[in-house]
Amino acid sequence: MNKAVKKMLATHEHLVHSEGVTVVSHMQREKAEWVQHTVMIEDCDVPFKFRRVKKYRNLQGQKINVIYYPETETVAGFEIEIMQVVRIKRF
């Protein structure tokens, strides 16, 4: 773990860091002026979401390092747990 990651984790107590996890699915869709990305990780049933201004390379089948925090989102009146990605990087 590098210095920047350690500093982020020390500053924000709810952040979680996962190293070397495998991406099972990566979806990209345009939402207003952003591109919404949804990543599913092996052995995890919760979607990981992040936004970027432009499309990102396809991460399906790749190992990644990801820093995220748990969050809930309301969809059609139901609360769904998601992981909001702060930083994502190939392993």
PDB file of N, CA and C in Angstrom:
ATOM      1  N   MET A   1       0.860  -1.171   0.000  1.00  0.00           N
ATOM      2  CA  MET A   1       0.000   0.000   0.000  1.00  0.00           C
ATOM      3  C   MET A   1       0.906   1.234   0.000  1.00  0.00           C
ATOM      4  N   ASN A   2       0.634   2.158  -0.912  1.00  0.00           N
ATOM      5  CA  ASN A   2       1.484   3.340  -1.000  1.00  0.00           C
ATOM      6  C   ASN A   2       1.052   4.428  -0.009  1.00  0.00           C
ATOM      7  N   LYS A   3       1.853   5.481   0.054  1.00  0.00           N
ATOM      8  CA  LYS A   3       1.623   6.567   1.022  1.00  0.00           C
ATOM      9  C   LYS A   3       0.285   7.273   0.841  1.00  0.00           C
ATOM     10  N   ALA A   4      -0.096   7.530  -0.418  1.00  0.00           N
ATOM     11  CA  ALA A   4      -1.349   8.245  -0.693  1.00  0.00           C
ATOM     12  C   ALA A   4      -2.555   7.448  -0.190  1.00  0.00           C
ATOM     13  N   VAL A   5      -2.534   6.138  -0.394  1.00  0.00           N
ATOM     14  CA  VAL A   5      -3.641   5.291   0.052  1.00  0.00           C
ATOM     15  C   VAL A   5      -3.703   5.270   1.576  1.00  0.00           C
ATOM     16  N   LYS A   6      -2.564   5.121   2.224  1.00  0.00           N
ATOM     17  CA  LYS A   6      -2.520   5.113   3.692  1.00  0.00           C
ATOM     18  C   LYS A   6      -3.061   6.426   4.263  1.00  0.00           C
ATOM     19  N   LYS A   7      -2.708   7.532   3.627  1.00  0.00           N
ATOM     20  CA  LYS A   7      -3.165   8.847   4.087  1.00  0.00           C
ATOM     21  C   LYS A   7      -4.686   8.980   3.944  1.00  0.00           C
ATOM     22  N   MET A   8      -5.221   8.523   2.797  1.00  0.00           N
ATOM     23  CA  MET A   8      -6.667   8.582   2.574  1.00  0.00           C
ATOM     24  C   MET A   8      -7.414   7.744   3.606  1.00  0.00           C
ATOM     25  N   LEU A   9      -6.922   6.536   3.878  1.00  0.00           N
ATOM     26  CA  LEU A   9      -7.577   5.651   4.833  1.00  0.00           C
ATOM     27  C   LEU A   9      -7.506   6.196   6.255  1.00  0.00           C
ATOM     28  N   ALA A  10      -6.398   6.857   6.588  1.00  0.00           N
ATOM     29  CA  ALA A  10      -6.255   7.437   7.921  1.00  0.00           C
ATOM     30  C   ALA A  10      -7.171   8.650   8.100  1.00  0.00           C
ATOM     31  N   THR A  11      -7.346   9.433   7.040  1.00  0.00           N
ATOM     32  CA  THR A  11      -8.160  10.646   7.103  1.00  0.00           C
ATOM     33  C   THR A  11      -9.653  10.342   7.137  1.00  0.00           C
ATOM     34  N   HIS A  12     -10.081   9.363   6.366  1.00  0.00           N
ATOM     35  CA  HIS A  12     -11.510   9.031   6.242  1.00  0.00           C
ATOM     36  C   HIS A  12     -11.750   7.643   6.811  1.00  0.00           C
ATOM     37  N   GLU A  13     -12.374   7.582   7.964  1.00  0.00           N
ATOM     38  CA  GLU A  13     -12.511   6.321   8.688  1.00  0.00           C
ATOM     39  C   GLU A  13     -13.419   5.289   8.023  1.00  0.00           C
ATOM     40  N   HIS A  14     -14.339   5.688   7.149  1.00  0.00           N
ATOM     41  CA  HIS A  14     -15.275   4.750   6.533  1.00  0.00           C
ATOM     42  C   HIS A  14     -14.773   4.172   5.212  1.00  0.00           C
ATOM     43  N   LEU A  15     -13.633   4.632   4.721  1.00  0.00           N
ATOM     44  CA  LEU A  15     -13.101   4.108   3.461  1.00  0.00           C
ATOM     45  C   LEU A  15     -12.588   2.686   3.644  1.00  0.00           C
ATOM     46  N   VAL A  16     -12.741   1.895   2.586  1.00  0.00           N
ATOM     47  CA  VAL A  16     -12.266   0.515   2.578  1.00  0.00           C
ATOM     48  C   VAL A  16     -11.352   0.353   1.369  1.00  0.00           C
ATOM     49  N   HIS A  17     -10.255  -0.396   1.541  1.00  0.00           N
ATOM     50  CA  HIS A  17      -9.310  -0.616   0.456  1.00  0.00           C
ATOM     51  C   HIS A  17      -9.227  -2.110   0.169  1.00  0.00           C
ATOM     52  N   SER A  18      -9.440  -2.502  -1.088  1.00  0.00           N
ATOM     53  CA  SER A  18      -9.327  -3.900  -1.504  1.00  0.00           C
ATOM     54  C   SER A  18      -8.280  -3.992  -2.600  1.00  0.00           C
ATOM     55  N   GLU A  19      -7.372  -4.948  -2.458  1.00  0.00           N
ATOM     56  CA  GLU A  19      -6.297  -5.124  -3.440  1.00  0.00           C
ATOM     57  C   GLU A  19      -6.445  -6.444  -4.167  1.00  0.00           C
ATOM     58  N   GLY A  20      -6.187  -6.426  -5.464  1.00  0.00           N
ATOM     59  CA  GLY A  20      -6.147  -7.643  -6.263  1.00  0.00           C
ATOM     60  C   GLY A  20      -7.468  -8.372  -6.412  1.00  0.00           C
ATOM     61  N   VAL A  21      -8.582  -7.641  -6.433  1.00  0.00           N
ATOM     62  CA  VAL A  21      -9.890  -8.273  -6.633  1.00  0.00           C
ATOM     63  C   VAL A  21     -10.172  -8.373  -8.136  1.00  0.00           C
ATOM     64  N   THR A  22     -10.905  -9.401  -8.540  1.00  0.00           N
ATOM     65  CA  THR A  22     -11.184  -9.642  -9.954  1.00  0.00           C
ATOM     66  C   THR A  22     -12.547  -9.085 -10.335  1.00  0.00           C
ATOM     67  N   VAL A  23     -12.579  -8.365 -11.456  1.00  0.00           N
ATOM     68  CA  VAL A  23     -13.818  -7.775 -11.958  1.00  0.00           C
ATOM     69  C   VAL A  23     -14.569  -8.820 -12.784  1.00  0.00           C
ATOM     70  N   VAL A  24     -15.828  -9.047 -12.430  1.00  0.00           N
ATOM     71  CA  VAL A  24     -16.675 -10.005 -13.143  1.00  0.00           C
ATOM     72  C   VAL A  24     -17.449  -9.298 -14.252  1.00  0.00           C
ATOM     73  N   SER A  25     -17.913  -8.070 -13.988  1.00  0.00           N
ATOM     74  CA  SER A  25     -18.715  -7.324 -14.947  1.00  0.00           C
ATOM     75  C   SER A  25     -18.398  -5.837 -14.842  1.00  0.00           C
ATOM     76  N   HIS A  26     -18.339  -5.158 -15.984  1.00  0.00           N
ATOM     77  CA  HIS A  26     -18.106  -3.719 -16.025  1.00  0.00           C
ATOM     78  C   HIS A  26     -19.041  -3.114 -17.059  1.00  0.00           C
ATOM     79  N   MET A  27     -19.993  -2.295 -16.593  1.00  0.00           N
ATOM     80  CA  MET A  27     -20.951  -1.635 -17.472  1.00  0.00           C
ATOM     81  C   MET A  27     -20.698  -0.132 -17.464  1.00  0.00           C
ATOM     82  N   GLN A  28     -20.835   0.495 -18.646  1.00  0.00           N
ATOM     83  CA  GLN A  28     -20.676   1.941 -18.777  1.00  0.00           C
ATOM     84  C   GLN A  28     -21.907   2.487 -19.498  1.00  0.00           C
ATOM     85  N   ARG A  29     -22.496   3.545 -18.941  1.00  0.00           N
ATOM     86  CA  ARG A  29     -23.634   4.168 -19.625  1.00  0.00           C
ATOM     87  C   ARG A  29     -23.591   5.671 -19.398  1.00  0.00           C
ATOM     88  N   GLU A  30     -24.056   6.398 -20.387  1.00  0.00           N
ATOM     89  CA  GLU A  30     -24.058   7.859 -20.297  1.00  0.00           C
ATOM     90  C   GLU A  30     -25.222   8.319 -19.440  1.00  0.00           C
ATOM     91  N   LYS A  31     -24.939   9.252 -18.558  1.00  0.00           N
ATOM     92  CA  LYS A  31     -25.946   9.815 -17.672  1.00  0.00           C
ATOM     93  C   LYS A  31     -25.674  11.312 -17.595  1.00  0.00           C
ATOM     94  N   ALA A  32     -26.474  12.079 -18.343  1.00  0.00           N
ATOM     95  CA  ALA A  32     -26.268  13.528 -18.500  1.00  0.00           C
ATOM     96  C   ALA A  32     -24.902  13.755 -19.139  1.00  0.00           C
ATOM     97  N   GLU A  33     -24.049  14.553 -18.512  1.00  0.00           N
ATOM     98  CA  GLU A  33     -22.726  14.820 -19.102  1.00  0.00           C
ATOM     99  C   GLU A  33     -21.645  13.904 -18.549  1.00  0.00           C
ATOM    100  N   TRP A  34     -22.016  12.897 -17.751  1.00  0.00           N
ATOM    101  CA  TRP A  34     -21.093  11.951 -17.144  1.00  0.00           C
ATOM    102  C   TRP A  34     -21.273  10.570 -17.755  1.00  0.00           C
ATOM    103  N   VAL A  35     -20.311   9.700 -17.518  1.00  0.00           N
ATOM    104  CA  VAL A  35     -20.436   8.288 -17.847  1.00  0.00           C
ATOM    105  C   VAL A  35     -20.467   7.535 -16.522  1.00  0.00           C
ATOM    106  N   GLN A  36     -21.590   6.862 -16.259  1.00  0.00           N
ATOM    107  CA  GLN A  36     -21.768   6.095 -15.010  1.00  0.00           C
ATOM    108  C   GLN A  36     -21.198   4.698 -15.215  1.00  0.00           C
ATOM    109  N   HIS A  37     -20.293   4.282 -14.346  1.00  0.00           N
ATOM    110  CA  HIS A  37     -19.669   2.968 -14.411  1.00  0.00           C
ATOM    111  C   HIS A  37     -20.186   2.117 -13.263  1.00  0.00           C
ATOM    112  N   THR A  38     -20.518   0.860 -13.550  1.00  0.00           N
ATOM    113  CA  THR A  38     -20.925  -0.094 -12.523  1.00  0.00           C
ATOM    114  C   THR A  38     -20.049  -1.327 -12.676  1.00  0.00           C
ATOM    115  N   VAL A  39     -19.374  -1.686 -11.596  1.00  0.00           N
ATOM    116  CA  VAL A  39     -18.439  -2.801 -11.599  1.00  0.00           C
ATOM    117  C   VAL A  39     -18.920  -3.830 -10.583  1.00  0.00           C
ATOM    118  N   MET A  40     -18.956  -5.093 -10.997  1.00  0.00           N
ATOM    119  CA  MET A  40     -19.252  -6.196 -10.084  1.00  0.00           C
ATOM    120  C   MET A  40     -17.958  -6.966  -9.861  1.00  0.00           C
ATOM    121  N   ILE A  41     -17.698  -7.287  -8.597  1.00  0.00           N
ATOM    122  CA  ILE A  41     -16.450  -7.937  -8.215  1.00  0.00           C
ATOM    123  C   ILE A  41     -16.734  -9.366  -7.778  1.00  0.00           C
ATOM    124  N   GLU A  42     -15.804 -10.244  -8.072  1.00  0.00           N
ATOM    125  CA  GLU A  42     -15.928 -11.655  -7.732  1.00  0.00           C
ATOM    126  C   GLU A  42     -16.172 -11.851  -6.233  1.00  0.00           C
ATOM    127  N   ASP A  43     -17.101 -12.734  -5.898  1.00  0.00           N
ATOM    128  CA  ASP A  43     -17.472 -13.069  -4.509  1.00  0.00           C
ATOM    129  C   ASP A  43     -18.082 -11.902  -3.744  1.00  0.00           C
ATOM    130  N   CYS A  44     -18.678 -10.953  -4.439  1.00  0.00           N
ATOM    131  CA  CYS A  44     -19.337  -9.814  -3.806  1.00  0.00           C
ATOM    132  C   CYS A  44     -20.625  -9.526  -4.576  1.00  0.00           C
ATOM    133  N   ASP A  45     -21.748  -9.430  -3.856  1.00  0.00           N
ATOM    134  CA  ASP A  45     -23.053  -9.229  -4.503  1.00  0.00           C
ATOM    135  C   ASP A  45     -23.462  -7.764  -4.596  1.00  0.00           C
ATOM    136  N   VAL A  46     -22.593  -6.860  -4.194  1.00  0.00           N
ATOM    137  CA  VAL A  46     -22.912  -5.435  -4.155  1.00  0.00           C
ATOM    138  C   VAL A  46     -22.211  -4.730  -5.323  1.00  0.00           C
ATOM    139  N   PRO A  47     -22.931  -3.880  -6.079  1.00  0.00           N
ATOM    140  CA  PRO A  47     -22.298  -3.159  -7.184  1.00  0.00           C
ATOM    141  C   PRO A  47     -21.397  -2.026  -6.691  1.00  0.00           C
ATOM    142  N   PHE A  48     -20.310  -1.810  -7.412  1.00  0.00           N
ATOM    143  CA  PHE A  48     -19.381  -0.716  -7.147  1.00  0.00           C
ATOM    144  C   PHE A  48     -19.616   0.325  -8.235  1.00  0.00           C
ATOM    145  N   LYS A  49     -19.910   1.571  -7.844  1.00  0.00           N
ATOM    146  CA  LYS A  49     -20.250   2.614  -8.819  1.00  0.00           C
ATOM    147  C   LYS A  49     -19.271   3.777  -8.748  1.00  0.00           C
ATOM    148  N   PHE A  50     -19.010   4.355  -9.933  1.00  0.00           N
ATOM    149  CA  PHE A  50     -18.247   5.598 -10.015  1.00  0.00           C
ATOM    150  C   PHE A  50     -18.588   6.302 -11.306  1.00  0.00           C
ATOM    151  N   ARG A  51     -18.306   7.607 -11.364  1.00  0.00           N
ATOM    152  CA  ARG A  51     -18.585   8.425 -12.552  1.00  0.00           C
ATOM    153  C   ARG A  51     -17.283   9.002 -13.088  1.00  0.00           C
ATOM    154  N   ARG A  52     -17.242   9.144 -14.393  1.00  0.00           N
ATOM    155  CA  ARG A  52     -16.124   9.805 -15.068  1.00  0.00           C
ATOM    156  C   ARG A  52     -16.696  10.664 -16.190  1.00  0.00           C
ATOM    157  N   VAL A  53     -15.916  11.602 -16.660  1.00  0.00           N
ATOM    158  CA  VAL A  53     -16.346  12.465 -17.755  1.00  0.00           C
ATOM    159  C   VAL A  53     -16.373  11.688 -19.066  1.00  0.00           C
ATOM    160  N   LYS A  54     -15.456  10.748 -19.239  1.00  0.00           N
ATOM    161  CA  LYS A  54     -15.419   9.966 -20.473  1.00  0.00           C
ATOM    162  C   LYS A  54     -15.350   8.479 -20.142  1.00  0.00           C
ATOM    163  N   LYS A  55     -15.483   7.642 -21.166  1.00  0.00           N
ATOM    164  CA  LYS A  55     -15.453   6.194 -20.972  1.00  0.00           C
ATOM    165  C   LYS A  55     -14.080   5.750 -20.481  1.00  0.00           C
ATOM    166  N   TYR A  56     -14.084   4.628 -19.769  1.00  0.00           N
ATOM    167  CA  TYR A  56     -12.876   4.038 -19.210  1.00  0.00           C
ATOM    168  C   TYR A  56     -12.630   2.733 -19.943  1.00  0.00           C
ATOM    169  N   ARG A  57     -11.419   2.246 -19.952  1.00  0.00           N
ATOM    170  CA  ARG A  57     -11.163   0.970 -20.619  1.00  0.00           C
ATOM    171  C   ARG A  57     -11.927  -0.141 -19.896  1.00  0.00           C
ATOM    172  N   ASN A  58     -12.259  -1.179 -20.629  1.00  0.00           N
ATOM    173  CA  ASN A  58     -13.048  -2.275 -20.076  1.00  0.00           C
ATOM    174  C   ASN A  58     -12.224  -3.021 -19.029  1.00  0.00           C
ATOM    175  N   LEU A  59     -12.782  -3.197 -17.846  1.00  0.00           N
ATOM    176  CA  LEU A  59     -12.083  -3.838 -16.736  1.00  0.00           C
ATOM    177  C   LEU A  59     -12.507  -5.285 -16.526  1.00  0.00           C
ATOM    178  N   GLN A  60     -13.407  -5.800 -17.329  1.00  0.00           N
ATOM    179  CA  GLN A  60     -13.906  -7.154 -17.127  1.00  0.00           C
ATOM    180  C   GLN A  60     -12.765  -8.169 -17.203  1.00  0.00           C
ATOM    181  N   GLY A  61     -12.667  -9.016 -16.180  1.00  0.00           N
ATOM    182  CA  GLY A  61     -11.623 -10.035 -16.116  1.00  0.00           C
ATOM    183  C   GLY A  61     -10.311  -9.541 -15.547  1.00  0.00           C
ATOM    184  N   GLN A  62     -10.170  -8.252 -15.281  1.00  0.00           N
ATOM    185  CA  GLN A  62      -8.927  -7.670 -14.773  1.00  0.00           C
ATOM    186  C   GLN A  62      -8.893  -7.698 -13.252  1.00  0.00           C
ATOM    187  N   LYS A  63      -7.698  -7.699 -12.691  1.00  0.00           N
ATOM    188  CA  LYS A  63      -7.519  -7.542 -11.248  1.00  0.00           C
ATOM    189  C   LYS A  63      -7.313  -6.050 -10.992  1.00  0.00           C
ATOM    190  N   ILE A  64      -7.972  -5.541  -9.933  1.00  0.00           N
ATOM    191  CA  ILE A  64      -7.901  -4.116  -9.635  1.00  0.00           C
ATOM    192  C   ILE A  64      -7.670  -3.873  -8.149  1.00  0.00           C
ATOM    193  N   ASN A  65      -7.202  -2.678  -7.839  1.00  0.00           N
ATOM    194  CA  ASN A  65      -7.183  -2.144  -6.483  1.00  0.00           C
ATOM    195  C   ASN A  65      -8.288  -1.105  -6.444  1.00  0.00           C
ATOM    196  N   VAL A  66      -9.093  -1.123  -5.404  1.00  0.00           N
ATOM    197  CA  VAL A  66     -10.219  -0.203  -5.342  1.00  0.00           C
ATOM    198  C   VAL A  66     -10.357   0.338  -3.921  1.00  0.00           C
ATOM    199  N   ILE A  67     -10.609   1.646  -3.835  1.00  0.00           N
ATOM    200  CA  ILE A  67     -10.888   2.301  -2.564  1.00  0.00           C
ATOM    201  C   ILE A  67     -12.327   2.809  -2.662  1.00  0.00           C
ATOM    202  N   TYR A  68     -13.145   2.472  -1.673  1.00  0.00           N
ATOM    203  CA  TYR A  68     -14.568   2.776  -1.744  1.00  0.00           C
ATOM    204  C   TYR A  68     -15.137   2.947  -0.343  1.00  0.00           C
ATOM    205  N   TYR A  69     -16.376   3.428  -0.299  1.00  0.00           N
ATOM    206  CA  TYR A  69     -17.096   3.470   0.960  1.00  0.00           C
ATOM    207  C   TYR A  69     -18.519   2.975   0.730  1.00  0.00           C
ATOM    208  N   PRO A  70     -19.083   2.261   1.730  1.00  0.00           N
ATOM    209  CA  PRO A  70     -20.444   1.745   1.597  1.00  0.00           C
ATOM    210  C   PRO A  70     -21.472   2.866   1.643  1.00  0.00           C
ATOM    211  N   GLU A  71     -22.535   2.698   0.879  1.00  0.00           N
ATOM    212  CA  GLU A  71     -23.581   3.705   0.785  1.00  0.00           C
ATOM    213  C   GLU A  71     -24.889   2.988   0.455  1.00  0.00           C
ATOM    214  N   THR A  72     -26.007   3.636   0.716  1.00  0.00           N
ATOM    215  CA  THR A  72     -27.295   3.072   0.306  1.00  0.00           C
ATOM    216  C   THR A  72     -27.930   3.999  -0.715  1.00  0.00           C
ATOM    217  N   GLU A  73     -28.652   3.395  -1.647  1.00  0.00           N
ATOM    218  CA  GLU A  73     -29.313   4.127  -2.720  1.00  0.00           C
ATOM    219  C   GLU A  73     -30.767   3.661  -2.772  1.00  0.00           C
ATOM    220  N   THR A  74     -31.696   4.574  -2.964  1.00  0.00           N
ATOM    221  CA  THR A  74     -33.103   4.212  -3.054  1.00  0.00           C
ATOM    222  C   THR A  74     -33.511   4.086  -4.518  1.00  0.00           C
ATOM    223  N   VAL A  75     -33.991   2.906  -4.879  1.00  0.00           N
ATOM    224  CA  VAL A  75     -34.446   2.621  -6.240  1.00  0.00           C
ATOM    225  C   VAL A  75     -35.850   2.050  -6.139  1.00  0.00           C
ATOM    226  N   ALA A  76     -36.819   2.740  -6.734  1.00  0.00           N
ATOM    227  CA  ALA A  76     -38.225   2.316  -6.740  1.00  0.00           C
ATOM    228  C   ALA A  76     -38.738   2.050  -5.323  1.00  0.00           C
ATOM    229  N   GLY A  77     -38.321   2.871  -4.375  1.00  0.00           N
ATOM    230  CA  GLY A  77     -38.794   2.746  -3.002  1.00  0.00           C
ATOM    231  C   GLY A  77     -38.041   1.745  -2.148  1.00  0.00           C
ATOM    232  N   PHE A  78     -37.067   1.039  -2.726  1.00  0.00           N
ATOM    233  CA  PHE A  78     -36.274   0.064  -1.980  1.00  0.00           C
ATOM    234  C   PHE A  78     -34.879   0.612  -1.743  1.00  0.00           C
ATOM    235  N   GLU A  79     -34.354   0.387  -0.553  1.00  0.00           N
ATOM    236  CA  GLU A  79     -32.973   0.786  -0.278  1.00  0.00           C
ATOM    237  C   GLU A  79     -32.044  -0.347  -0.689  1.00  0.00           C
ATOM    238  N   ILE A  80     -31.049  -0.011  -1.494  1.00  0.00           N
ATOM    239  CA  ILE A  80     -30.090  -0.984  -2.002  1.00  0.00           C
ATOM    240  C   ILE A  80     -28.700  -0.543  -1.577  1.00  0.00           C
ATOM    241  N   GLU A  81     -27.907  -1.494  -1.096  1.00  0.00           N
ATOM    242  CA  GLU A  81     -26.535  -1.180  -0.707  1.00  0.00           C
ATOM    243  C   GLU A  81     -25.663  -1.132  -1.955  1.00  0.00           C
ATOM    244  N   ILE A  82     -24.843  -0.098  -2.054  1.00  0.00           N
ATOM    245  CA  ILE A  82     -23.858   0.033  -3.133  1.00  0.00           C
ATOM    246  C   ILE A  82     -22.526   0.427  -2.518  1.00  0.00           C
ATOM    247  N   MET A  83     -21.488   0.323  -3.302  1.00  0.00           N
ATOM    248  CA  MET A  83     -20.172   0.787  -2.894  1.00  0.00           C
ATOM    249  C   MET A  83     -19.787   1.941  -3.810  1.00  0.00           C
ATOM    250  N   GLN A  84     -19.564   3.112  -3.238  1.00  0.00           N
ATOM    251  CA  GLN A  84     -19.191   4.293  -4.005  1.00  0.00           C
ATOM    252  C   GLN A  84     -17.675   4.326  -4.127  1.00  0.00           C
ATOM    253  N   VAL A  85     -17.166   4.204  -5.339  1.00  0.00           N
ATOM    254  CA  VAL A  85     -15.725   4.120  -5.580  1.00  0.00           C
ATOM    255  C   VAL A  85     -15.107   5.506  -5.521  1.00  0.00           C
ATOM    256  N   VAL A  86     -14.005   5.615  -4.784  1.00  0.00           N
ATOM    257  CA  VAL A  86     -13.241   6.851  -4.695  1.00  0.00           C
ATOM    258  C   VAL A  86     -12.041   6.779  -5.632  1.00  0.00           C
ATOM    259  N   ARG A  87     -11.424   5.597  -5.686  1.00  0.00           N
ATOM    260  CA  ARG A  87     -10.243   5.413  -6.551  1.00  0.00           C
ATOM    261  C   ARG A  87     -10.227   3.976  -7.059  1.00  0.00           C
ATOM    262  N   ILE A  88      -9.953   3.825  -8.343  1.00  0.00           N
ATOM    263  CA  ILE A  88      -9.862   2.494  -8.946  1.00  0.00           C
ATOM    264  C   ILE A  88      -8.626   2.461  -9.828  1.00  0.00           C
ATOM    265  N   LYS A  89      -7.871   1.366  -9.735  1.00  0.00           N
ATOM    266  CA  LYS A  89      -6.622   1.263 -10.466  1.00  0.00           C
ATOM    267  C   LYS A  89      -6.348  -0.204 -10.782  1.00  0.00           C
ATOM    268  N   ARG A  90      -5.805  -0.451 -11.974  1.00  0.00           N
ATOM    269  CA  ARG A  90      -5.437  -1.835 -12.310  1.00  0.00           C
ATOM    270  C   ARG A  90      -4.358  -2.321 -11.363  1.00  0.00           C
ATOM    271  N   PHE A  91      -4.416  -3.597 -11.021  1.00  0.00           N
ATOM    272  CA  PHE A  91      -3.481  -4.217 -10.073  1.00  0.00           C
ATOM    273  C   PHE A  91      -2.146  -4.478 -10.719  1.00  0.00           C
TER     274      PHE A  91
END
